[in-house]
Amino acid sequence: GTTARDFTQMNELHSRYSSEGLVVLGVPCNQFGHQENCKNEEILNCLKYIRPGNGFEPKFQLLEKVDVNGKDAHPLFDYLKSSLPFPSDDTMALMSDPKFIIWSPVCRNDVSW
């Protein structure tokens, strides 16, 4: 997966731009390849000791694990998806393999990866 890269880059974004007002929020989700299967109370230790490991600690705000798509989507993601423009790419390209879509209903403006 991309966890080590993504969390390292989020720390870098926070370090570079927080003084200019950028707020980085880490929002764990298990809807993309079941890559975040830790419980909320396990996530920090997983980051510190497993991936990325080496004592990693997020410098940014890490929120609780949520769904970002489907009927149980967190209200923040419902708001963002309704407020941002729809993607203009291939409407069939939500995900390369539909077996990875584990939420319902599926909408064109769902967050994908």
Foldseek 3Di string as FASTA:
>chain_A
DCQQVVQVVLQVCCVPCVVVPDADEAEAECLAVNPPVDAQVCVQVCVCPPVVHPRDDRPHHYDGHFHLDAPRHDPVSVVVLVPDDFDPDDQVPQDPDVVSRPHPDDDSSGDGD
